[in-house]
Amino acid sequence: MSGNPDCAIATADALTLLLHNQHAIGAAIEEITKWLLENGVESVAINAATAMETMDNNAKAITDAIMRLRCC
C-alpha cells in the first residue's frame, strides 16, 4: 500500500464489512446445524460444524490483518 493511510483505512473498512458478513453466515450455519441435528441428519451437521471451525479460524486471521492495517 506504499504508506498510503487512506488506502489502508479503506482496506481495513472493507475487510471489517466482510468479517461482519462472515459472522452472519456463521450464525446462519449454526442455526442450520442445530436444525440438522434435531432432525437426524448428523453427518451433514458435522460437516457444517467443520465449516464453522474453518470460518472461526479465518476470522481470527482477518481480525489480525484489520488491526495491522488500522495501526499503519
PDB file of N, CA and C in Angstrom:
ATOM      1  N   MET A   1       0.803  -1.189   0.000  1.00  0.00           N
ATOM      2  CA  MET A   1       0.000   0.000   0.000  1.00  0.00           C
ATOM      3  C   MET A   1       0.848   1.255   0.000  1.00  0.00           C
ATOM      4  N   SER A   2       2.102   1.074  -0.046  1.00  0.00           N
ATOM      5  CA  SER A   2       3.105   2.123  -0.125  1.00  0.00           C
ATOM      6  C   SER A   2       2.831   3.296   0.796  1.00  0.00           C
ATOM      7  N   GLY A   3       2.494   3.004   2.024  1.00  0.00           N
ATOM      8  CA  GLY A   3       2.390   4.036   3.043  1.00  0.00           C
ATOM      9  C   GLY A   3       1.199   4.958   2.917  1.00  0.00           C
ATOM     10  N   ASN A   4       0.222   4.635   2.125  1.00  0.00           N
ATOM     11  CA  ASN A   4      -0.948   5.473   1.959  1.00  0.00           C
ATOM     12  C   ASN A   4      -1.966   5.135   3.035  1.00  0.00           C
ATOM     13  N   PRO A   5      -2.105   6.014   4.056  1.00  0.00           N
ATOM     14  CA  PRO A   5      -3.025   5.691   5.155  1.00  0.00           C
ATOM     15  C   PRO A   5      -4.486   5.607   4.712  1.00  0.00           C
ATOM     16  N   ASP A   6      -4.881   6.401   3.721  1.00  0.00           N
ATOM     17  CA  ASP A   6      -6.264   6.333   3.236  1.00  0.00           C
ATOM     18  C   ASP A   6      -6.562   4.969   2.614  1.00  0.00           C
ATOM     19  N   CYS A   7      -5.586   4.452   1.907  1.00  0.00           N
ATOM     20  CA  CYS A   7      -5.739   3.136   1.286  1.00  0.00           C
ATOM     21  C   CYS A   7      -5.831   2.050   2.356  1.00  0.00           C
ATOM     22  N   ALA A   8      -4.995   2.155   3.382  1.00  0.00           N
ATOM     23  CA  ALA A   8      -5.021   1.169   4.472  1.00  0.00           C
ATOM     24  C   ALA A   8      -6.357   1.216   5.204  1.00  0.00           C
ATOM     25  N   ILE A   9      -6.878   2.418   5.434  1.00  0.00           N
ATOM     26  CA  ILE A   9      -8.167   2.556   6.126  1.00  0.00           C
ATOM     27  C   ILE A   9      -9.291   1.967   5.274  1.00  0.00           C
ATOM     28  N   ALA A  10      -9.279   2.268   3.975  1.00  0.00           N
ATOM     29  CA  ALA A  10     -10.315   1.727   3.087  1.00  0.00           C
ATOM     30  C   ALA A  10     -10.259   0.211   3.045  1.00  0.00           C
ATOM     31  N   THR A  11      -9.056  -0.339   3.005  1.00  0.00           N
ATOM     32  CA  THR A  11      -8.897  -1.794   3.001  1.00  0.00           C
ATOM     33  C   THR A  11      -9.399  -2.386   4.310  1.00  0.00           C
ATOM     34  N   ALA A  12      -9.031  -1.764   5.418  1.00  0.00           N
ATOM     35  CA  ALA A  12      -9.481  -2.250   6.729  1.00  0.00           C
ATOM     36  C   ALA A  12     -10.998  -2.172   6.842  1.00  0.00           C
ATOM     37  N   ASP A  13     -11.588  -1.092   6.338  1.00  0.00           N
ATOM     38  CA  ASP A  13     -13.051  -0.960   6.377  1.00  0.00           C
ATOM     39  C   ASP A  13     -13.727  -2.055   5.560  1.00  0.00           C
ATOM     40  N   ALA A  14     -13.185  -2.337   4.374  1.00  0.00           N
ATOM     41  CA  ALA A  14     -13.758  -3.389   3.526  1.00  0.00           C
ATOM     42  C   ALA A  14     -13.627  -4.754   4.194  1.00  0.00           C
ATOM     43  N   LEU A  15     -12.456  -5.024   4.780  1.00  0.00           N
ATOM     44  CA  LEU A  15     -12.260  -6.295   5.481  1.00  0.00           C
ATOM     45  C   LEU A  15     -13.191  -6.417   6.681  1.00  0.00           C
ATOM     46  N   THR A  16     -13.430  -5.301   7.356  1.00  0.00           N
ATOM     47  CA  THR A  16     -14.346  -5.315   8.504  1.00  0.00           C
ATOM     48  C   THR A  16     -15.752  -5.703   8.065  1.00  0.00           C
ATOM     49  N   LEU A  17     -16.202  -5.134   6.958  1.00  0.00           N
ATOM     50  CA  LEU A  17     -17.532  -5.487   6.444  1.00  0.00           C
ATOM     51  C   LEU A  17     -17.598  -6.968   6.055  1.00  0.00           C
ATOM     52  N   LEU A  18     -16.547  -7.463   5.426  1.00  0.00           N
ATOM     53  CA  LEU A  18     -16.508  -8.883   5.075  1.00  0.00           C
ATOM     54  C   LEU A  18     -16.508  -9.757   6.325  1.00  0.00           C
ATOM     55  N   LEU A  19     -15.811  -9.314   7.357  1.00  0.00           N
ATOM     56  CA  LEU A  19     -15.797 -10.066   8.610  1.00  0.00           C
ATOM     57  C   LEU A  19     -17.182 -10.103   9.238  1.00  0.00           C
ATOM     58  N   HIS A  20     -17.905  -8.966   9.183  1.00  0.00           N
ATOM     59  CA  HIS A  20     -19.282  -8.947   9.704  1.00  0.00           C
ATOM     60  C   HIS A  20     -20.168  -9.917   8.919  1.00  0.00           C
ATOM     61  N   ASN A  21     -19.983  -9.943   7.602  1.00  0.00           N
ATOM     62  CA  ASN A  21     -20.741 -10.900   6.778  1.00  0.00           C
ATOM     63  C   ASN A  21     -20.390 -12.330   7.163  1.00  0.00           C
ATOM     64  N   GLN A  22     -19.110 -12.582   7.413  1.00  0.00           N
ATOM     65  CA  GLN A  22     -18.678 -13.922   7.792  1.00  0.00           C
ATOM     66  C   GLN A  22     -19.320 -14.342   9.110  1.00  0.00           C
ATOM     67  N   HIS A  23     -19.417 -13.415  10.060  1.00  0.00           N
ATOM     68  CA  HIS A  23     -20.072 -13.731  11.332  1.00  0.00           C
ATOM     69  C   HIS A  23     -21.563 -14.040  11.125  1.00  0.00           C
ATOM     70  N   ALA A  24     -22.203 -13.286  10.247  1.00  0.00           N
ATOM     71  CA  ALA A  24     -23.621 -13.519   9.968  1.00  0.00           C
ATOM     72  C   ALA A  24     -23.831 -14.882   9.308  1.00  0.00           C
ATOM     73  N   ILE A  25     -22.976 -15.222   8.366  1.00  0.00           N
ATOM     74  CA  ILE A  25     -23.069 -16.533   7.711  1.00  0.00           C
ATOM     75  C   ILE A  25     -22.812 -17.637   8.724  1.00  0.00           C
ATOM     76  N   GLY A  26     -21.838 -17.431   9.607  1.00  0.00           N
ATOM     77  CA  GLY A  26     -21.564 -18.418  10.653  1.00  0.00           C
ATOM     78  C   GLY A  26     -22.763 -18.641  11.559  1.00  0.00           C
ATOM     79  N   ALA A  27     -23.447 -17.551  11.911  1.00  0.00           N
ATOM     80  CA  ALA A  27     -24.645 -17.675  12.753  1.00  0.00           C
ATOM     81  C   ALA A  27     -25.735 -18.459  12.030  1.00  0.00           C
ATOM     82  N   ALA A  28     -25.884 -18.208  10.742  1.00  0.00           N
ATOM     83  CA  ALA A  28     -26.886 -18.944   9.967  1.00  0.00           C
ATOM     84  C   ALA A  28     -26.528 -20.423   9.880  1.00  0.00           C
ATOM     85  N   ILE A  29     -25.256 -20.721   9.646  1.00  0.00           N
ATOM     86  CA  ILE A  29     -24.823 -22.121   9.587  1.00  0.00           C
ATOM     87  C   ILE A  29     -25.044 -22.797  10.934  1.00  0.00           C
ATOM     88  N   GLU A  30     -24.802 -22.064  12.001  1.00  0.00           N
ATOM     89  CA  GLU A  30     -25.025 -22.632  13.336  1.00  0.00           C
ATOM     90  C   GLU A  30     -26.494 -23.007  13.545  1.00  0.00           C
ATOM     91  N   GLU A  31     -27.402 -22.145  13.111  1.00  0.00           N
ATOM     92  CA  GLU A  31     -28.838 -22.448  13.222  1.00  0.00           C
ATOM     93  C   GLU A  31     -29.220 -23.653  12.371  1.00  0.00           C
ATOM     94  N   ILE A  32     -28.686 -23.704  11.176  1.00  0.00           N
ATOM     95  CA  ILE A  32     -28.969 -24.836  10.293  1.00  0.00           C
ATOM     96  C   ILE A  32     -28.397 -26.124  10.880  1.00  0.00           C
ATOM     97  N   THR A  33     -27.206 -26.043  11.448  1.00  0.00           N
ATOM     98  CA  THR A  33     -26.585 -27.213  12.069  1.00  0.00           C
ATOM     99  C   THR A  33     -27.457 -27.735  13.209  1.00  0.00           C
ATOM    100  N   LYS A  34     -27.959 -26.818  14.007  1.00  0.00           N
ATOM    101  CA  LYS A  34     -28.854 -27.203  15.122  1.00  0.00           C
ATOM    102  C   LYS A  34     -30.094 -27.918  14.576  1.00  0.00           C
ATOM    103  N   TRP A  35     -30.676 -27.379  13.519  1.00  0.00           N
ATOM    104  CA  TRP A  35     -31.857 -27.997  12.935  1.00  0.00           C
ATOM    105  C   TRP A  35     -31.524 -29.385  12.389  1.00  0.00           C
ATOM    106  N   LEU A  36     -30.381 -29.510  11.725  1.00  0.00           N
ATOM    107  CA  LEU A  36     -29.972 -30.798  11.172  1.00  0.00           C
ATOM    108  C   LEU A  36     -29.827 -31.842  12.273  1.00  0.00           C
ATOM    109  N   LEU A  37     -29.194 -31.447  13.371  1.00  0.00           N
ATOM    110  CA  LEU A  37     -29.030 -32.382  14.494  1.00  0.00           C
ATOM    111  C   LEU A  37     -30.376 -32.810  15.065  1.00  0.00           C
ATOM    112  N   GLU A  38     -31.280 -31.849  15.191  1.00  0.00           N
ATOM    113  CA  GLU A  38     -32.608 -32.151  15.744  1.00  0.00           C
ATOM    114  C   GLU A  38     -33.440 -33.026  14.818  1.00  0.00           C
ATOM    115  N   ASN A  39     -33.082 -33.052  13.532  1.00  0.00           N
ATOM    116  CA  ASN A  39     -33.867 -33.809  12.558  1.00  0.00           C
ATOM    117  C   ASN A  39     -33.123 -35.016  11.998  1.00  0.00           C
ATOM    118  N   GLY A  40     -32.118 -35.465  12.740  1.00  0.00           N
ATOM    119  CA  GLY A  40     -31.469 -36.730  12.430  1.00  0.00           C
ATOM    120  C   GLY A  40     -30.517 -36.740  11.253  1.00  0.00           C
ATOM    121  N   VAL A  41     -29.989 -35.592  10.880  1.00  0.00           N
ATOM    122  CA  VAL A  41     -29.051 -35.545   9.766  1.00  0.00           C
ATOM    123  C   VAL A  41     -27.665 -35.199  10.327  1.00  0.00           C
ATOM    124  N   GLU A  42     -27.187 -36.084  11.190  1.00  0.00           N
ATOM    125  CA  GLU A  42     -25.965 -35.810  11.940  1.00  0.00           C
ATOM    126  C   GLU A  42     -24.734 -35.659  11.051  1.00  0.00           C
ATOM    127  N   SER A  43     -24.621 -36.474  10.008  1.00  0.00           N
ATOM    128  CA  SER A  43     -23.422 -36.410   9.163  1.00  0.00           C
ATOM    129  C   SER A  43     -23.291 -35.046   8.483  1.00  0.00           C
ATOM    130  N   VAL A  44     -24.411 -34.493   8.042  1.00  0.00           N
ATOM    131  CA  VAL A  44     -24.381 -33.171   7.404  1.00  0.00           C
ATOM    132  C   VAL A  44     -24.100 -32.099   8.461  1.00  0.00           C
ATOM    133  N   ALA A  45     -24.644 -32.275   9.644  1.00  0.00           N
ATOM    134  CA  ALA A  45     -24.404 -31.330  10.739  1.00  0.00           C
ATOM    135  C   ALA A  45     -22.920 -31.292  11.106  1.00  0.00           C
ATOM    136  N   ILE A  46     -22.286 -32.435  11.100  1.00  0.00           N
ATOM    137  CA  ILE A  46     -20.847 -32.497  11.404  1.00  0.00           C
ATOM    138  C   ILE A  46     -20.056 -31.735  10.345  1.00  0.00           C
ATOM    139  N   ASN A  47     -20.417 -31.892   9.088  1.00  0.00           N
ATOM    140  CA  ASN A  47     -19.742 -31.155   8.013  1.00  0.00           C
ATOM    141  C   ASN A  47     -19.944 -29.648   8.174  1.00  0.00           C
ATOM    142  N   ALA A  48     -21.142 -29.251   8.554  1.00  0.00           N
ATOM    143  CA  ALA A  48     -21.422 -27.832   8.760  1.00  0.00           C
ATOM    144  C   ALA A  48     -20.607 -27.291   9.936  1.00  0.00           C
ATOM    145  N   ALA A  49     -20.493 -28.077  10.999  1.00  0.00           N
ATOM    146  CA  ALA A  49     -19.703 -27.664  12.157  1.00  0.00           C
ATOM    147  C   ALA A  49     -18.236 -27.506  11.779  1.00  0.00           C
ATOM    148  N   THR A  50     -17.740 -28.375  10.926  1.00  0.00           N
ATOM    149  CA  THR A  50     -16.361 -28.273  10.454  1.00  0.00           C
ATOM    150  C   THR A  50     -16.168 -26.990   9.647  1.00  0.00           C
ATOM    151  N   ALA A  51     -17.125 -26.666   8.827  1.00  0.00           N
ATOM    152  CA  ALA A  51     -17.056 -25.418   8.054  1.00  0.00           C
ATOM    153  C   ALA A  51     -17.041 -24.214   8.989  1.00  0.00           C
ATOM    154  N   MET A  52     -17.818 -24.268  10.057  1.00  0.00           N
ATOM    155  CA  MET A  52     -17.834 -23.163  11.022  1.00  0.00           C
ATOM    156  C   MET A  52     -16.483 -23.014  11.714  1.00  0.00           C
ATOM    157  N   GLU A  53     -15.827 -24.122  12.003  1.00  0.00           N
ATOM    158  CA  GLU A  53     -14.495 -24.059  12.619  1.00  0.00           C
ATOM    159  C   GLU A  53     -13.511 -23.350  11.686  1.00  0.00           C
ATOM    160  N   THR A  54     -13.586 -23.670  10.409  1.00  0.00           N
ATOM    161  CA  THR A  54     -12.720 -23.014   9.430  1.00  0.00           C
ATOM    162  C   THR A  54     -13.006 -21.517   9.398  1.00  0.00           C
ATOM    163  N   MET A  55     -14.282 -21.147   9.405  1.00  0.00           N
ATOM    164  CA  MET A  55     -14.642 -19.733   9.405  1.00  0.00           C
ATOM    165  C   MET A  55     -14.118 -19.035  10.655  1.00  0.00           C
ATOM    166  N   ASP A  56     -14.208 -19.689  11.795  1.00  0.00           N
ATOM    167  CA  ASP A  56     -13.698 -19.103  13.042  1.00  0.00           C
ATOM    168  C   ASP A  56     -12.189 -18.883  12.969  1.00  0.00           C
ATOM    169  N   ASN A  57     -11.469 -19.869  12.458  1.00  0.00           N
ATOM    170  CA  ASN A  57     -10.017 -19.730  12.319  1.00  0.00           C
ATOM    171  C   ASN A  57      -9.662 -18.583  11.377  1.00  0.00           C
ATOM    172  N   ASN A  58     -10.367 -18.488  10.273  1.00  0.00           N
ATOM    173  CA  ASN A  58     -10.108 -17.418   9.316  1.00  0.00           C
ATOM    174  C   ASN A  58     -10.495 -16.057   9.880  1.00  0.00           C
ATOM    175  N   ALA A  59     -11.536 -16.007  10.694  1.00  0.00           N
ATOM    176  CA  ALA A  59     -11.954 -14.743  11.296  1.00  0.00           C
ATOM    177  C   ALA A  59     -10.846 -14.162  12.162  1.00  0.00           C
ATOM    178  N   LYS A  60     -10.139 -15.013  12.869  1.00  0.00           N
ATOM    179  CA  LYS A  60      -9.027 -14.550  13.702  1.00  0.00           C
ATOM    180  C   LYS A  60      -7.944 -13.928  12.827  1.00  0.00           C
ATOM    181  N   ALA A  61      -7.592 -14.576  11.735  1.00  0.00           N
ATOM    182  CA  ALA A  61      -6.566 -14.045  10.838  1.00  0.00           C
ATOM    183  C   ALA A  61      -7.021 -12.739  10.190  1.00  0.00           C
ATOM    184  N   ILE A  62      -8.283 -12.660   9.814  1.00  0.00           N
ATOM    185  CA  ILE A  62      -8.816 -11.433   9.217  1.00  0.00           C
ATOM    186  C   ILE A  62      -8.783 -10.301  10.240  1.00  0.00           C
ATOM    187  N   THR A  63      -9.180 -10.589  11.467  1.00  0.00           N
ATOM    188  CA  THR A  63      -9.144  -9.596  12.530  1.00  0.00           C
ATOM    189  C   THR A  63      -7.724  -9.072  12.747  1.00  0.00           C
ATOM    190  N   ASP A  64      -6.764  -9.971  12.768  1.00  0.00           N
ATOM    191  CA  ASP A  64      -5.359  -9.568  12.933  1.00  0.00           C
ATOM    192  C   ASP A  64      -4.912  -8.652  11.786  1.00  0.00           C
ATOM    193  N   ALA A  65      -5.304  -8.993  10.575  1.00  0.00           N
ATOM    194  CA  ALA A  65      -4.930  -8.174   9.411  1.00  0.00           C
ATOM    195  C   ALA A  65      -5.578  -6.792   9.506  1.00  0.00           C
ATOM    196  N   ILE A  66      -6.832  -6.745   9.913  1.00  0.00           N
ATOM    197  CA  ILE A  66      -7.516  -5.461  10.072  1.00  0.00           C
ATOM    198  C   ILE A  66      -6.787  -4.591  11.093  1.00  0.00           C
ATOM    199  N   MET A  67      -6.406  -5.194  12.200  1.00  0.00           N
ATOM    200  CA  MET A  67      -5.714  -4.436  13.242  1.00  0.00           C
ATOM    201  C   MET A  67      -4.367  -3.916  12.746  1.00  0.00           C
ATOM    202  N   ARG A  68      -3.648  -4.716  11.970  1.00  0.00           N
ATOM    203  CA  ARG A  68      -2.368  -4.252  11.407  1.00  0.00           C
ATOM    204  C   ARG A  68      -2.575  -3.090  10.463  1.00  0.00           C
ATOM    205  N   LEU A  69      -3.616  -3.151   9.635  1.00  0.00           N
ATOM    206  CA  LEU A  69      -3.910  -2.061   8.702  1.00  0.00           C
ATOM    207  C   LEU A  69      -4.291  -0.781   9.443  1.00  0.00           C
ATOM    208  N   ARG A  70      -5.056  -0.934  10.505  1.00  0.00           N
ATOM    209  CA  ARG A  70      -5.507   0.249  11.244  1.00  0.00           C
ATOM    210  C   ARG A  70      -4.375   0.895  12.039  1.00  0.00           C
ATOM    211  N   CYS A  71      -3.334   0.157  12.309  1.00  0.00           N
ATOM    212  CA  CYS A  71      -2.193   0.701  13.067  1.00  0.00           C
ATOM    213  C   CYS A  71      -1.175   1.418  12.176  1.00  0.00           C
ATOM    214  N   CYS A  72      -1.345   1.318  10.877  1.00  0.00           N
ATOM    215  CA  CYS A  72      -0.359   1.942   9.951  1.00  0.00           C
ATOM    216  C   CYS A  72      -0.442   3.454   9.988  1.00  0.00           C
TER     217      CYS A  72
END
